[in-house]
Protein backbone atom coordinates (compact mmCIF):
# COMPACT_ATOMS: atom_id res chain seq x y z
CA MET A 1 14.60 9.80 -7.33
CA PRO A 2 14.99 6.03 -7.26
CA GLY A 3 14.29 3.87 -10.38
CA SER A 4 11.60 0.97 -10.44
CA LEU A 5 11.96 -2.11 -8.49
CA ALA A 6 11.25 -5.39 -10.78
CA PRO A 7 7.97 -7.09 -10.03
CA ARG A 8 6.86 -9.94 -8.31
CA GLU A 9 3.58 -11.96 -9.36
CA SER A 10 0.95 -12.27 -6.52
CA PRO A 11 0.43 -15.74 -5.49
CA ARG A 12 -3.21 -14.54 -5.19
CA THR A 13 -4.10 -13.20 -7.98
CA GLY A 14 -1.55 -13.58 -10.64
CA ILE A 15 -1.31 -10.15 -10.63
CA ALA A 16 2.44 -8.76 -11.68
CA HIS A 17 3.81 -6.27 -8.70
CA GLY A 18 6.04 -5.82 -6.22
CA ARG A 19 5.43 -4.53 -2.30
CA ASN A 20 7.23 -1.46 -4.71
CA ASN A 21 4.79 -1.96 -7.81
CA PRO A 22 1.35 -3.55 -6.39
CA LEU A 23 -0.49 -2.74 -9.19
CA PRO A 24 0.98 -3.65 -13.17
CA PRO A 25 2.07 -0.74 -15.28
CA VAL A 26 -1.61 -0.51 -17.63
CA VAL A 27 -3.57 -0.55 -14.35
CA LEU A 28 -1.37 2.04 -12.48
CA GLY A 29 -1.69 4.06 -15.47
CA LEU A 30 -5.41 4.13 -15.33
CA ARG A 31 -6.25 4.06 -11.74
CA SER A 32 -3.91 7.10 -11.55
CA GLY A 33 -4.95 9.01 -15.09
CA CYS A 34 -1.22 8.38 -16.44
CA CYS A 35 -2.77 6.39 -19.47
CA PRO A 36 -5.48 6.46 -21.83
CA ASP A 37 -9.26 4.43 -21.25
CA PRO A 38 -9.70 1.72 -23.26
CA GLU A 39 -11.35 2.79 -26.37
CA PRO A 40 -15.01 2.68 -27.51
CA ASP A 41 -16.20 0.45 -30.28
CA GLU A 42 -17.79 1.99 -33.10
CA ASP A 43 -21.01 2.70 -31.62
CA GLY A 44 -18.76 4.59 -29.10
CA ASP A 45 -19.55 2.36 -26.81
CA LEU A 46 -16.76 0.59 -24.11
CA PRO A 47 -17.45 -2.84 -24.34
CA GLN A 48 -18.73 -4.63 -21.30
CA HIS A 49 -15.87 -7.06 -20.74
CA MET A 50 -13.08 -4.30 -20.92
CA ILE A 51 -14.83 -2.47 -18.49
CA TYR A 52 -15.26 -4.96 -15.72
CA GLY A 53 -11.37 -6.71 -16.72
CA HIS A 54 -9.77 -3.18 -15.83
CA VAL A 55 -11.97 -2.49 -13.03
CA TYR A 56 -11.43 -5.98 -11.31
CA LYS A 57 -7.97 -5.78 -12.15
CA THR A 58 -7.52 -2.47 -9.96
CA ALA A 59 -9.69 -3.08 -7.36
CA ARG A 60 -8.02 -6.64 -6.92
CA ALA A 61 -4.43 -5.29 -6.75
CA THR A 62 -5.73 -2.46 -4.60
CA ILE A 63 -6.83 -5.57 -1.81
CA ASP A 64 -3.04 -7.06 -2.44
CA THR A 65 -1.63 -3.96 -1.85
CA ILE A 66 -3.31 -3.54 1.88
CA THR A 67 -2.83 -7.12 2.38
CA ASP A 68 0.49 -6.58 1.50
CA LEU A 69 0.67 -4.33 4.06
CA GLN A 70 -1.50 -5.95 6.90
CA GLU A 71 0.96 -9.09 6.51
CA ASP A 72 4.03 -6.83 7.63
CA LEU A 73 2.67 -4.93 10.21
CA ASP A 74 1.61 -8.29 11.24
CA ASP A 75 5.45 -9.26 10.98
CA GLY A 76 6.39 -6.00 13.10
CA ILE A 77 7.39 -3.76 10.25
CA GLY A 78 7.35 0.25 10.94
CA ILE A 79 5.83 2.49 9.11
CA SER A 80 6.42 6.45 9.57
CA GLY A 81 4.94 9.20 7.99
CA PRO A 82 2.15 11.78 7.95
CA ALA A 83 -0.46 8.97 6.26
CA ALA A 84 1.39 6.13 8.72
CA ARG A 85 -1.70 6.31 10.46
CA ARG A 86 -4.25 6.06 7.62
CA ALA A 87 -2.06 3.50 6.25
CA ILE A 88 -2.63 1.26 9.21
CA ASN A 89 -6.04 1.51 9.00
CA ALA A 90 -6.41 0.61 5.09
CA ALA A 91 -4.31 -2.41 5.78
CA ALA A 92 -7.35 -3.27 8.97
CA THR A 93 -9.87 -4.04 6.38
CA ALA A 94 -7.62 -6.18 4.24
CA PRO A 95 -8.90 -9.18 6.33
CA GLN A 96 -12.88 -8.23 5.51
CA PHE A 97 -11.78 -8.81 1.77
CA GLN A 98 -10.57 -12.84 2.43
CA GLY A 99 -12.32 -15.40 0.45
CA THR A 100 -14.77 -12.12 -0.77
CA ALA A 101 -15.63 -12.61 -4.42
CA ILE A 102 -15.02 -9.34 -6.95
CA THR A 103 -18.27 -8.79 -8.50
CA THR A 104 -18.32 -5.67 -10.57
CA ARG A 105 -20.27 -4.09 -7.72
CA THR A 106 -18.18 -5.36 -5.41
CA ALA A 107 -14.98 -4.02 -7.16
CA ARG A 108 -16.82 -0.58 -7.91
CA LYS A 109 -17.22 -0.20 -3.81
CA ILE A 110 -13.65 -1.22 -3.61
CA LEU A 111 -12.55 2.04 -5.70
CA ALA A 112 -15.15 3.96 -4.61
CA ASN A 113 -14.06 3.66 -0.72
CA ALA A 114 -11.08 6.63 -0.68
CA ASP A 115 -10.03 4.78 2.89
CA LEU A 116 -8.39 2.02 0.69
CA ALA A 117 -6.77 4.22 -2.20
CA VAL A 118 -3.31 3.31 -0.66
CA TYR A 119 -0.60 2.97 -3.94
CA ASP A 120 3.42 2.28 -3.65
CA ASN A 121 5.35 4.43 -5.90
CA PRO A 122 7.98 2.39 -7.65
CA ASN A 123 9.77 5.57 -9.06
CA THR A 124 9.65 7.60 -5.30
CA LEU A 125 10.00 4.61 -3.07
CA LEU A 126 6.87 5.48 -0.94
CA MET A 127 3.67 4.62 -0.27
CA TYR A 128 1.00 6.82 -0.37
CA VAL A 129 -2.93 6.98 1.32
CA TYR A 130 -4.19 9.45 -1.81
CA ASN A 131 -6.53 12.10 0.15
CA GLY A 132 -7.28 14.97 -2.85
CA ASP A 133 -7.73 17.37 -0.48
CA ARG A 134 -3.97 16.74 1.09
CA ALA A 135 -2.88 15.73 -2.69
CA LEU A 136 0.31 18.02 -3.87
CA CYS A 137 0.37 16.59 -6.62
CA HIS A 138 -2.94 18.11 -7.24
CA ARG A 139 -2.97 21.50 -5.92
CA ASP A 140 -5.46 23.53 -7.51
CA THR A 141 -7.36 20.52 -8.91
CA ASP A 142 -10.18 17.67 -7.48
CA THR A 143 -8.76 14.68 -8.57
CA PRO A 144 -10.12 11.44 -7.28
CA SER A 145 -6.50 9.63 -7.78
CA PRO A 146 -2.59 10.88 -7.85
CA SER A 147 -0.60 12.14 -10.70
CA LEU A 148 1.99 8.51 -10.52
CA ASP A 149 4.76 11.05 -11.73
CA ARG A 150 4.12 14.48 -9.64
CA CYS A 151 5.16 13.02 -6.18
CA VAL A 152 6.48 15.57 -3.69
CA SER A 153 8.18 14.08 -0.84
CA SER A 154 7.00 16.78 1.85
CA CYS A 155 2.63 15.75 0.52
CA ALA A 156 0.90 14.53 3.79
CA ASN A 157 -0.24 11.42 2.26
CA ILE A 158 3.36 10.19 2.16
CA ALA A 159 4.34 6.96 4.23
CA TRP A 160 7.47 5.02 4.65
CA THR A 161 8.42 0.75 6.02
CA ASP A 162 11.30 -0.50 7.12
CA HIS A 163 11.20 -1.69 3.71
CA HIS A 164 11.22 1.85 1.28
CA ALA A 165 13.95 3.00 3.70
CA GLU A 166 16.34 -0.07 3.19
CA GLN A 167 16.06 0.43 -0.83
CA LEU A 168 16.39 3.79 -0.01
CA ARG A 169 19.54 3.42 1.29
CA GLN A 170 20.62 1.01 -1.35
CA HIS A 171 19.97 3.33 -4.04
CA ALA A 172 21.79 5.99 -2.09
CA ASP A 173 24.86 3.23 -2.06
CA ALA A 174 24.38 3.16 -6.16
CA LEU A 175 24.32 6.87 -6.50
CA ASP A 176 27.49 7.26 -4.54
CA LYS A 177 29.52 4.29 -7.11
CA ARG A 178 28.32 5.79 -9.86
CA ALA A 179 29.65 9.48 -8.71
CA GLY A 180 32.90 7.80 -8.67
CA ARG A 181 33.07 6.94 -12.04
CA ARG A 182 31.57 10.57 -12.80
CA PRO A 183 33.68 14.43 -13.02
CA ASP A 184 32.10 17.16 -11.03
CA PRO A 185 29.76 18.82 -10.79
CA ILE A 186 27.67 15.02 -11.64
CA GLY A 187 29.14 13.60 -9.10
CA ASP A 188 29.44 15.73 -6.57
CA ARG A 189 25.09 15.77 -8.05
CA LEU A 190 24.96 12.34 -7.48
CA CYS A 191 26.26 12.28 -4.11
CA HIS A 192 23.95 15.17 -2.75
CA ASN A 193 21.25 13.02 -4.05
CA ALA A 194 22.32 9.81 -2.21
CA ASP A 195 22.69 11.86 1.33
CA ARG A 196 19.22 12.92 0.69
CA LEU A 197 18.03 9.75 0.53
CA ARG A 198 20.00 8.57 3.64
CA THR A 199 18.27 11.44 5.56
CA LEU A 200 14.81 10.32 4.78
CA ALA A 201 15.40 6.34 5.39
CA ASP A 202 17.14 7.28 8.82
CA GLU A 203 14.33 9.76 9.51
CA HIS A 204 12.48 6.98 8.98
CA ASP A 205 14.37 5.42 11.65
CA ARG A 206 13.79 7.62 14.02
CA THR A 207 10.03 8.17 13.57
CA ARG A 208 8.63 4.68 13.00
CA ILE A 209 5.93 2.96 14.92
CA THR A 210 4.84 -0.07 14.63
CA LEU A 211 0.98 -1.84 14.91
CA GLN A 212 1.94 -2.96 18.23
CA GLU A 213 2.11 0.62 19.07
CA ASN A 214 -0.50 1.74 17.01
CA THR A 215 -2.76 -0.32 19.00
CA PRO A 216 -4.66 1.48 22.14
């Protein structure tokens, strides 16, 4: 699947992230369970500043993610996929957080709200609104967050935006160029993967909806 994209820095928080990587690597790992928790001190307790720091960054990045999505939707960007309308609903809550001071209590409340669990996966160029009951990355377990390295393209939690479709095509073009420099069967496999990415992008174009279309 596509590789990660270069991050940018949020003008709201100073946290490095991108439309396809809204959470810093450590925070992504903490929320998804892919990184170890902070180490306790010699008494077995976590320093309070570490707890608050991780919770704050994750909550702040969550708000940045839905705010970025809301701005895109307001600009007419389309979204597709089985979780598209859930993503739209999550983005609609973004204005209520504008100008809100993120205290520890507020941060924990944000992270406890399953309706706000919107992620952008930098490795697969897709967005997902996490629902553990529908997650194919956790078929046999009840886990409160997704596994970034086990994303399945047929999952009911997935959505794509116009940005993702553009990046899928860009990556497909890059795969075609690589295929021209590789012998078969490697070249054929790269071409097959490129065709698959273009199929996903074409399907997005056919099924995309906009915020205006979603409004009754």
